[in-house]
Amino acid sequence: MARLPAVLGTDDLPLAELCAARLDGELVAVGDRWCPVDEPDLPALRAAAVAPASPGRLIVERRSAAWVHGALPVPPVTPEYCIPYAGRSTARPDPACTVRQVVIDEGDVTAVGGVRCTTTLRTAFDLLREPDAAVDAVGIVAALLATEAALERQLHERIAAAHRLPHKARAVARLVAASRQPSLTR
């Protein structure tokens, strides 16, 4: 008998069966997918849960990537992806997701469980410049800073090296606030 994947969707089992298993306490809903309750909460599992249905050149980014890296307790309601600017596309895998075209180096992308995701450095860099005030960029970046000792220095260097960076002053102010914010993991 074939083993089912750790992250299930309606391609794997009918919706009614997935909902029944959730009600029986066998599965837990993660975004629009389901995972067994005893599956370890690892970055690879989170990446699989937020992975685009038709990945192509899509990369998990911003708050979705922060959740994959463990900086958020739950995934954002709207999955956030980016596509390299050179790979222009008008196709959207799902109308309920956000897709941005960005200039991104391959060094800013890592594979987490086979899913392309922005690195913690790029994720924090993007969140620091986030124009939406409703996003708790300071709190998320503070949680990311707690995961890597050199991340704060790398962010300061990256922001300082950028000459024409939109929202640069906001990014510096948020980084200072994030570095001062107490974290339970530090």
Foldseek 3Di string as FASTA:
>chain_A
DDDDDQKAACVRPNPVVQVVCVVVQQWDDAQRIIGGPPDDPALLSLLVNLAQPDNVQKAFAAQSLLVSVPLDPGGDNATEIEGELVPDDPDDSDPSHHYYHDHDDVVQWDARNNGIYGDLLVNLLCLQQDPDPVDPSLSSNLSSCLVDVCSLVVNVVVLVPDDDDHSSVSSVVSSVSSVPDDDPSD
